[in-house]
Amino acid sequence: MNGYKVTKKEECCIYEAAGHNECKLTRYHDGAEVEDGRLWFSRSHFLPHGGGTNFGANGIESIYYVEKGKLLFTGEDGKETILEEGDSVHIAANSAKSVTNVGTETAVMLVFYLPPVK
C-alpha cells in the first residue's frame, strides 16, 4: 500500500448518510487508502433547507469548513451559529449537532473526519 493516494474530482464516491436530506455527499478520501491512514475527507452539497445529522452524534472527531453558502450550525448545547464562506467548526467525537442550509443557493461544505485510534 502506498503512502499517498491521488483522487481526481471525477473519481470521488457518492454516498448516503443517515439523518441527511436534500444533499449530495461525495467522499474523496478514507483512511484505508493509505498506509496507517485514519483521516477521511468529503464534500457535501446541501440544497436550500437541506441539511444533515439532526442532532446525531458519532464517535468521530470532525471539522466542517464552509466553501460556499450559508449554513446554520446547532451544537449539542442548542447554540445556533450562522456559518458562511471561510468559516469552520471543530466537533468533538460523540457531540450531537445539526447543519441546515439557510441560504437560497446550494451550500458546499468540506468535511474532515478523524476516527479514533483502534
Protein backbone atom coordinates (compact mmCIF):
# COMPACT_ATOMS: atom_id res chain seq x y z
CA MET A 1 0.00 0.00 0.00
CA ASN A 2 1.29 3.46 -0.89
CA GLY A 3 1.87 6.33 1.46
CA TYR A 4 -0.40 8.58 -0.66
CA LYS A 5 -3.46 8.47 -2.91
CA VAL A 6 -4.48 10.99 -5.56
CA THR A 7 -8.22 11.34 -6.24
CA LYS A 8 -9.36 13.28 -9.29
CA LYS A 9 -12.72 15.05 -8.92
CA GLU A 10 -14.44 12.63 -11.28
CA GLU A 11 -13.25 9.69 -9.13
CA CYS A 12 -14.95 10.68 -5.88
CA CYS A 13 -17.51 8.34 -4.34
CA ILE A 14 -21.14 9.45 -3.92
CA TYR A 15 -22.65 8.11 -0.70
CA GLU A 16 -25.65 8.48 1.60
CA ALA A 17 -25.65 9.12 5.33
CA ALA A 18 -28.40 8.66 7.89
CA GLY A 19 -30.10 11.86 9.02
CA HIS A 20 -29.17 13.82 5.88
CA ASN A 21 -31.71 15.26 3.44
CA GLU A 22 -31.71 17.33 0.26
CA CYS A 23 -27.98 16.86 -0.21
CA LYS A 24 -25.30 15.14 -2.28
CA LEU A 25 -22.39 13.70 -0.33
CA THR A 26 -19.10 12.94 -2.09
CA ARG A 27 -16.16 11.17 -0.44
CA TYR A 28 -12.69 11.87 -1.80
CA HIS A 29 -10.56 10.01 0.73
CA ASP A 30 -10.85 7.50 3.54
CA GLY A 31 -8.20 6.23 5.88
CA ALA A 32 -7.99 2.75 4.35
CA GLU A 33 -6.43 4.20 1.18
CA VAL A 34 -3.01 4.85 2.67
CA GLU A 35 -0.68 3.00 4.98
CA ASP A 36 -1.70 3.55 8.63
CA GLY A 37 -4.28 6.13 7.49
CA ARG A 38 -7.30 7.29 9.54
CA LEU A 39 -8.30 10.65 8.04
CA TRP A 40 -11.43 10.93 5.85
CA PHE A 41 -12.33 13.84 3.58
CA SER A 42 -15.64 14.54 1.89
CA ARG A 43 -17.52 17.40 0.24
CA SER A 44 -21.22 17.93 0.96
CA HIS A 45 -23.65 19.87 -1.24
CA PHE A 46 -26.82 21.00 0.57
CA LEU A 47 -29.82 22.34 -1.35
CA PRO A 48 -31.72 25.22 0.30
CA HIS A 49 -33.37 23.87 3.51
CA GLY A 50 -31.33 20.67 3.18
CA GLY A 51 -29.08 19.52 5.94
CA GLY A 52 -27.73 16.74 8.00
CA THR A 53 -27.32 14.89 11.24
CA ASN A 54 -30.46 16.16 13.03
CA PHE A 55 -28.57 16.20 16.32
CA GLY A 56 -26.92 12.91 15.60
CA ALA A 57 -23.65 12.04 17.28
CA ASN A 58 -20.91 9.66 16.26
CA GLY A 59 -17.57 8.61 17.69
CA ILE A 60 -15.62 10.58 15.10
CA GLU A 61 -13.86 13.92 15.58
CA SER A 62 -14.81 16.25 12.71
CA ILE A 63 -14.09 19.62 11.13
CA TYR A 64 -16.67 21.31 8.89
CA TYR A 65 -15.46 24.09 6.57
CA VAL A 66 -17.95 26.15 4.54
CA GLU A 67 -16.68 26.53 0.99
CA LYS A 68 -19.83 28.23 -0.32
CA GLY A 69 -23.22 29.30 1.02
CA LYS A 70 -24.84 29.93 4.38
CA LEU A 71 -25.35 27.14 6.91
CA LEU A 72 -26.97 27.13 10.34
CA PHE A 73 -24.91 25.02 12.76
CA THR A 74 -26.57 24.00 16.01
CA GLY A 75 -24.44 22.40 18.71
CA GLU A 76 -25.46 19.97 21.42
CA ASP A 77 -25.97 22.93 23.80
CA GLY A 78 -28.61 24.39 21.47
CA LYS A 79 -26.45 27.36 20.46
CA GLU A 80 -27.06 28.36 16.84
CA THR A 81 -24.30 29.85 14.68
CA ILE A 82 -24.50 31.00 11.06
CA LEU A 83 -21.51 29.69 9.12
CA GLU A 84 -20.59 31.37 5.84
CA GLU A 85 -17.81 31.01 3.29
CA GLY A 86 -14.48 30.54 5.05
CA ASP A 87 -15.99 29.66 8.46
CA SER A 88 -15.35 26.33 10.16
CA VAL A 89 -16.36 24.37 13.24
CA HIS A 90 -14.35 21.68 15.06
CA ILE A 91 -16.57 18.99 16.61
CA ALA A 92 -15.51 16.53 19.31
CA ALA A 93 -16.34 12.85 18.97
CA ASN A 94 -19.79 11.94 20.35
CA SER A 95 -21.09 15.53 20.17
CA ALA A 96 -24.63 15.97 18.83
CA LYS A 97 -25.02 18.58 16.10
CA SER A 98 -27.18 19.74 13.22
CA VAL A 99 -26.46 21.62 9.99
CA THR A 100 -29.08 23.26 7.75
CA ASN A 101 -28.70 25.34 4.59
CA VAL A 102 -30.46 28.64 5.39
CA GLY A 103 -29.39 30.33 2.16
CA THR A 104 -31.11 30.49 -1.22
CA GLU A 105 -28.39 28.64 -3.16
CA THR A 106 -26.68 25.28 -2.81
CA ALA A 107 -24.19 25.35 0.07
CA VAL A 108 -20.92 23.41 -0.12
CA MET A 109 -19.16 22.14 2.98
CA LEU A 110 -15.82 20.35 3.24
CA VAL A 111 -15.83 17.66 5.92
CA PHE A 112 -12.75 16.17 7.59
CA TYR A 113 -13.23 13.09 9.83
CA LEU A 114 -10.68 11.57 12.17
CA PRO A 115 -11.90 8.24 13.58
CA PRO A 116 -10.48 7.17 16.93
CA VAL A 117 -7.37 5.01 17.15
CA LYS A 118 -8.28 1.33 17.37
